[in-house]
Amino acid sequence: MKKNVKTMITAFLSVTVMGISLVGCGNESIQSSDGSSADVSSVQSASSTNTQKESIEEKVLVDEKGIKITATGFGKNDSELFPSEKALFLEIVNGSEQPITVGLVNSSVNGYMVQSDLSLNVEPGETNTLPAQFDETQLTRCGITTFSEMGFVISIENYETFETILESEPISINTTANVTVDYDESGTVAYDKDGIKIVLKGTYEEEYLGQCIGVYVSNQSDKNITVAGAEKVSVNGKEVTPYFGSDVMKEKHDITHISFDEAENISKIESFEGSFCIYDYDTGDVLVEKTESVTVTY
């Protein structure tokens, strides 16, 4: 159905992995297995808090099928609708005969998977600018205050038919900031094989999801992967259904969480036992049907 708004910025929908919802957690206090507590970002990530000035060189990212996309700058977006302190500005020239939607997928910042929040509709013959932004909750969770590198794939669709026009190869853009990122892999290792590492972090309570368990995933394999929770796990000795999913591209990392149905009425997580499934993100093939069960006491 044709949209009435000629040029429109729309928020991306929350990622759903194989029907398992992946929802952002807030910046709350986190309880580790030794009983101590700390801020979520400080426990889960040791990213540099350096606040250097970031800028980029202008760079053509896509130039095919009549569509040209150029990264023109990085900085503050003063839009009243979607303001942001840090945005990547993309000039989109639609020289094709199709109405298009342009967005970023599989995006990352400083090596961490961080969802990009906006897409842009551009009519044939028009030029417009997309201030590509990144999820603030995920940035905080990963301890990112300075951008040194951004990675993503540009996805272009016909917004009337929803057909994919093109997807770029993975793109990397470096800023002028020189930041060293330390990926904090401390915690209980649930899986570590073939370049894929899953680590269970501490527990914390999120406003809308209740009790959560922090999870770190590192993918240094030769495949893009999806990690999901096994069908059945137990919390405090009781079988529960986990809500968990993580898409991690090659050579990237993710900080996310496991949450549980509110009907379980979990007021405090004292113990967790469970396993994970690992899939090939691109093909859907099962890479690991079920990891060995891991038990953590908090």
Protein backbone atom coordinates (compact mmCIF):
# COMPACT_ATOMS: atom_id res chain seq x y z
CA MET A 1 0.00 0.00 0.00
CA LYS A 2 1.41 3.40 -0.96
CA LYS A 3 2.38 5.62 1.96
CA ASN A 4 0.86 9.10 2.07
CA VAL A 5 3.90 10.75 3.58
CA LYS A 6 6.34 11.61 0.79
CA THR A 7 9.51 11.39 2.90
CA MET A 8 9.32 9.78 6.30
CA ILE A 9 11.74 8.66 8.99
CA THR A 10 10.51 5.60 10.85
CA ALA A 11 11.83 3.81 13.90
CA PHE A 12 13.08 0.26 13.29
CA LEU A 13 11.05 -2.49 14.93
CA SER A 14 12.64 -4.45 17.75
CA VAL A 15 14.65 -7.44 16.52
CA THR A 16 12.87 -10.82 16.76
CA VAL A 17 14.94 -13.98 16.53
CA MET A 18 13.02 -17.11 15.53
CA GLY A 19 10.00 -15.92 17.49
CA ILE A 20 12.06 -15.25 20.60
CA SER A 21 11.92 -11.61 21.59
CA LEU A 22 15.11 -9.63 22.16
CA VAL A 23 14.31 -6.52 24.19
CA GLY A 24 16.77 -3.98 25.59
CA CYS A 25 17.44 -3.84 29.30
CA GLY A 26 17.89 -0.61 31.21
CA ASN A 27 20.98 0.54 33.04
CA GLU A 28 20.25 -1.10 36.39
CA SER A 29 22.23 -2.61 39.25
CA ILE A 30 23.60 -6.06 38.47
CA GLN A 31 24.25 -8.88 40.94
CA SER A 32 27.27 -11.09 40.25
CA SER A 33 27.86 -14.65 41.38
CA ASP A 34 30.03 -13.47 44.29
CA GLY A 35 27.15 -11.40 45.71
CA SER A 36 28.57 -7.98 44.83
CA SER A 37 26.62 -5.46 42.74
CA ALA A 38 27.61 -2.82 40.24
CA ASP A 39 26.29 -0.88 37.27
CA VAL A 40 25.36 -3.11 34.32
CA SER A 41 27.72 -1.46 31.87
CA SER A 42 30.71 -1.57 34.20
CA VAL A 43 30.23 -5.27 34.92
CA GLN A 44 29.53 -6.32 31.36
CA SER A 45 31.96 -4.16 29.44
CA ALA A 46 35.32 -2.50 29.86
CA SER A 47 35.00 -0.21 26.83
CA SER A 48 37.02 2.97 27.01
CA THR A 49 35.18 5.97 28.46
CA ASN A 50 37.45 8.33 26.54
CA THR A 51 35.39 11.21 25.12
CA GLN A 52 37.52 12.24 22.17
CA LYS A 53 36.03 14.27 19.34
CA GLU A 54 34.74 12.03 16.55
CA SER A 55 34.60 12.91 12.88
CA ILE A 56 34.75 10.97 9.60
CA GLU A 57 35.96 11.50 6.06
CA GLU A 58 33.27 11.70 3.37
CA LYS A 59 32.89 8.32 1.71
CA VAL A 60 30.64 6.86 -1.01
CA LEU A 61 29.09 3.67 0.38
CA VAL A 62 26.65 2.64 -2.37
CA ASP A 63 26.52 3.66 -6.03
CA GLU A 64 24.43 1.25 -8.09
CA LYS A 65 20.97 0.76 -9.59
CA GLY A 66 20.61 4.54 -9.74
CA ILE A 67 20.99 4.91 -5.99
CA LYS A 68 23.95 6.71 -4.41
CA ILE A 69 24.57 6.82 -0.67
CA THR A 70 27.39 8.86 0.81
CA ALA A 71 28.55 9.12 4.41
CA THR A 72 28.94 12.89 4.78
CA GLY A 73 29.57 13.42 8.48
CA PHE A 74 29.23 12.34 12.09
CA GLY A 75 27.93 14.37 15.00
CA LYS A 76 24.90 15.83 16.75
CA ASN A 77 21.46 15.46 15.19
CA ASP A 78 19.28 18.43 16.18
CA SER A 79 16.05 16.96 14.81
CA GLU A 80 13.08 17.70 17.07
CA LEU A 81 11.60 14.29 16.34
CA PHE A 82 14.72 12.11 16.77
CA PRO A 83 17.48 14.14 18.46
CA SER A 84 20.80 12.45 19.15
CA GLU A 85 24.25 13.45 20.28
CA LYS A 86 25.86 10.96 17.89
CA ALA A 87 24.56 10.27 14.39
CA LEU A 88 26.10 9.13 11.12
CA PHE A 89 24.77 11.35 8.33
CA LEU A 90 24.05 9.54 5.06
CA GLU A 91 23.11 11.50 1.94
CA ILE A 92 20.75 9.39 -0.20
CA VAL A 93 20.27 10.22 -3.87
CA ASN A 94 17.45 8.17 -5.38
CA GLY A 95 18.02 8.27 -9.13
CA SER A 96 16.01 5.11 -9.63
CA GLU A 97 12.36 4.86 -10.62
CA GLN A 98 11.39 3.16 -7.36
CA PRO A 99 10.29 4.61 -4.01
CA ILE A 100 12.86 3.31 -1.54
CA THR A 101 13.40 2.73 2.15
CA VAL A 102 17.02 2.84 3.33
CA GLY A 103 18.17 1.48 6.68
CA LEU A 104 21.13 -0.11 8.39
CA VAL A 105 21.10 -3.77 9.46
CA ASN A 106 23.53 -5.90 11.47
CA SER A 107 25.03 -2.68 12.80
CA SER A 108 27.81 -2.43 15.36
CA VAL A 109 29.83 0.18 17.21
CA ASN A 110 33.38 -0.46 18.41
CA GLY A 111 32.90 -4.16 17.67
CA TYR A 112 29.69 -4.52 19.71
CA MET A 113 26.38 -5.30 18.03
CA VAL A 114 24.28 -2.15 18.46
CA GLN A 115 20.97 -1.73 16.66
CA SER A 116 20.48 1.25 14.36
CA ASP A 117 17.21 2.99 15.10
CA LEU A 118 16.05 4.83 11.98
CA SER A 119 15.22 4.24 8.33
CA LEU A 120 14.32 6.73 5.61
CA ASN A 121 11.86 6.75 2.72
CA VAL A 122 13.05 8.55 -0.43
CA GLU A 123 10.93 9.09 -3.53
CA PRO A 124 12.28 8.68 -7.08
CA GLY A 125 14.35 11.68 -8.14
CA GLU A 126 14.72 12.98 -4.57
CA THR A 127 17.75 13.52 -2.35
CA ASN A 128 17.52 13.36 1.43
CA THR A 129 19.69 12.76 4.48
CA LEU A 130 19.35 9.91 6.95
CA PRO A 131 20.81 10.67 10.39
CA ALA A 132 21.59 7.05 11.23
CA GLN A 133 21.57 6.58 14.99
CA PHE A 134 22.34 3.73 17.34
CA ASP A 135 20.35 2.37 20.27
CA GLU A 136 21.20 4.35 23.40
CA THR A 137 20.36 1.52 25.79
CA GLN A 138 22.73 -0.85 24.02
CA LEU A 139 25.48 1.78 23.87
CA THR A 140 25.18 2.27 27.64
CA ARG A 141 25.14 -1.48 28.25
CA CYS A 142 28.37 -1.82 26.26
CA GLY A 143 29.99 1.15 27.99
CA ILE A 144 30.41 3.06 24.72
CA THR A 145 30.81 6.82 25.00
CA THR A 146 33.15 7.39 22.06
CA PHE A 147 32.71 5.95 18.58
CA SER A 148 35.91 4.77 16.94
CA GLU A 149 34.37 2.38 14.38
CA MET A 150 30.92 1.64 12.98
CA GLY A 151 29.98 -1.46 11.00
CA PHE A 152 26.75 -2.21 9.15
CA VAL A 153 25.03 -3.40 5.99
CA ILE A 154 22.88 -0.94 4.05
CA SER A 155 19.49 -2.41 3.17
CA ILE A 156 17.39 -0.82 0.41
CA GLU A 157 13.80 -1.90 -0.26
CA ASN A 158 10.95 -0.75 -2.46
CA TYR A 159 8.67 0.64 0.25
CA GLU A 160 5.51 -0.10 -1.76
CA THR A 161 6.22 -3.75 -2.58
CA PHE A 162 8.67 -4.46 0.28
CA GLU A 163 10.95 -6.17 -2.23
CA THR A 164 14.68 -5.94 -1.55
CA ILE A 165 16.44 -3.82 -4.15
CA LEU A 166 19.92 -4.40 -2.81
CA GLU A 167 21.95 -5.07 0.30
CA SER A 168 25.50 -3.80 0.46
CA GLU A 169 28.51 -5.80 1.49
CA PRO A 170 29.50 -5.22 5.14
CA ILE A 171 30.73 -1.63 5.53
CA SER A 172 33.15 -0.28 8.12
CA ILE A 173 33.65 3.41 8.89
CA ASN A 174 36.39 4.63 11.22
CA THR A 175 36.22 7.94 13.06
CA THR A 176 39.15 10.13 14.08
CA ALA A 177 38.85 8.93 17.69
CA ASN A 178 41.51 6.50 18.88
CA VAL A 179 39.79 4.19 21.34
CA THR A 180 40.99 0.85 22.67
CA VAL A 181 38.07 -1.45 23.51
CA ASP A 182 38.51 -4.21 26.10
CA TYR A 183 35.87 -6.91 25.78
CA ASP A 184 35.03 -8.12 29.28
CA GLU A 185 34.67 -11.91 29.10
CA SER A 186 34.50 -12.48 32.86
CA GLY A 187 31.69 -14.61 34.22
CA THR A 188 30.58 -18.23 33.91
CA VAL A 189 31.52 -19.69 30.54
CA ALA A 190 28.55 -21.55 29.02
CA TYR A 191 30.22 -22.35 25.69
CA ASP A 192 33.67 -21.80 24.19
CA LYS A 193 34.41 -23.63 20.96
CA ASP A 194 35.20 -22.95 17.30
CA GLY A 195 35.57 -19.22 17.90
CA ILE A 196 32.19 -18.81 19.61
CA LYS A 197 32.05 -17.90 23.29
CA ILE A 198 28.98 -17.49 25.51
CA VAL A 199 29.39 -16.15 29.03
CA LEU A 200 26.73 -15.78 31.70
CA LYS A 201 27.04 -12.55 33.68
CA GLY A 202 25.23 -11.39 36.77
CA THR A 203 21.52 -10.88 37.44
CA TYR A 204 19.58 -7.65 37.56
CA GLU A 205 16.01 -6.36 37.48
CA GLU A 206 14.72 -4.41 34.50
CA GLU A 207 11.66 -2.20 34.81
CA TYR A 208 9.50 -3.96 32.23
CA LEU A 209 11.05 -7.42 32.02
CA GLY A 210 11.69 -8.16 35.68
CA GLN A 211 14.63 -10.38 36.61
CA CYS A 212 17.26 -10.80 33.87
CA ILE A 213 20.58 -12.58 33.47
CA GLY A 214 23.29 -10.74 31.54
CA VAL A 215 24.86 -12.62 28.62
CA TYR A 216 28.03 -11.88 26.64
CA VAL A 217 28.55 -13.46 23.21
CA SER A 218 31.75 -13.29 21.16
CA ASN A 219 31.79 -14.53 17.57
CA GLN A 220 35.29 -15.03 16.20
CA SER A 221 34.19 -17.83 13.88
CA ASP A 222 33.95 -17.66 10.07
CA LYS A 223 30.12 -17.46 10.12
CA ASN A 224 27.49 -14.95 11.16
CA ILE A 225 25.54 -16.59 13.96
CA THR A 226 22.32 -16.51 15.94
CA VAL A 227 22.39 -17.73 19.53
CA ALA A 228 19.08 -18.66 21.14
CA GLY A 229 18.04 -20.17 24.45
CA ALA A 230 17.19 -23.84 24.66
CA GLU A 231 13.49 -24.61 25.06
CA LYS A 232 13.68 -25.47 28.73
CA VAL A 233 15.85 -24.08 31.50
CA SER A 234 15.41 -23.86 35.24
CA VAL A 235 15.58 -20.92 37.64
CA ASN A 236 15.74 -21.60 41.37
CA GLY A 237 15.16 -25.27 40.58
CA LYS A 238 11.92 -24.62 38.67
CA GLU A 239 11.55 -25.21 34.92
CA VAL A 240 10.86 -21.95 33.05
CA THR A 241 10.76 -20.68 29.47
CA PRO A 242 13.59 -18.28 28.59
CA TYR A 243 13.34 -15.29 26.24
CA PHE A 244 16.67 -14.84 24.55
CA GLY A 245 18.16 -14.25 21.11
CA SER A 246 21.39 -12.74 19.85
CA ASP A 247 22.52 -12.12 16.25
CA VAL A 248 26.30 -11.68 16.18
CA MET A 249 28.18 -11.05 12.96
CA LYS A 250 31.69 -12.35 12.30
CA GLU A 251 34.38 -10.82 14.52
CA LYS A 252 31.75 -9.02 16.61
CA HIS A 253 30.55 -9.15 20.21
CA ASP A 254 27.17 -8.74 21.90
CA ILE A 255 25.96 -7.88 25.38
CA THR A 256 22.36 -8.86 25.97
CA HIS A 257 20.26 -10.78 28.50
CA ILE A 258 17.93 -13.66 29.24
CA SER A 259 14.50 -12.70 30.55
CA PHE A 260 11.52 -14.79 31.62
CA ASP A 261 7.73 -14.74 31.37
CA GLU A 262 6.17 -12.53 34.03
CA ALA A 263 3.84 -15.40 34.89
CA GLU A 264 6.83 -17.17 36.42
CA ASN A 265 6.79 -14.56 39.24
CA ILE A 266 10.56 -14.64 39.73
CA SER A 267 11.38 -12.13 42.46
CA LYS A 268 15.06 -13.06 42.69
CA ILE A 269 17.29 -15.34 40.65
CA GLU A 270 19.34 -17.51 43.00
CA SER A 271 20.33 -20.21 40.53
CA PHE A 272 20.14 -20.87 36.79
CA GLU A 273 20.60 -24.04 34.76
CA GLY A 274 20.30 -24.14 31.00
CA SER A 275 21.85 -24.44 27.56
CA PHE A 276 21.89 -22.69 24.18
CA CYS A 277 21.32 -23.37 20.48
CA ILE A 278 23.55 -21.84 17.80
CA TYR A 279 22.47 -21.28 14.20
CA ASP A 280 24.05 -20.02 10.99
CA TYR A 281 22.50 -16.53 10.69
CA ASP A 282 22.62 -16.53 6.87
CA THR A 283 21.31 -20.03 6.14
CA GLY A 284 19.39 -20.97 9.27
CA ASP A 285 21.36 -24.21 9.54
CA VAL A 286 21.90 -25.60 13.03
CA LEU A 287 25.54 -25.28 14.05
CA VAL A 288 25.12 -26.49 17.64
CA GLU A 289 21.79 -28.14 18.44
CA LYS A 290 22.29 -27.87 22.18
CA THR A 291 25.30 -26.81 24.21
CA GLU A 292 26.17 -28.63 27.40
CA SER A 293 24.04 -27.51 30.32
CA VAL A 294 25.64 -24.93 32.60
CA THR A 295 24.70 -24.16 36.20
CA VAL A 296 25.24 -20.82 37.95
CA THR A 297 24.51 -19.92 41.56
CA TYR A 298 24.01 -16.25 42.49
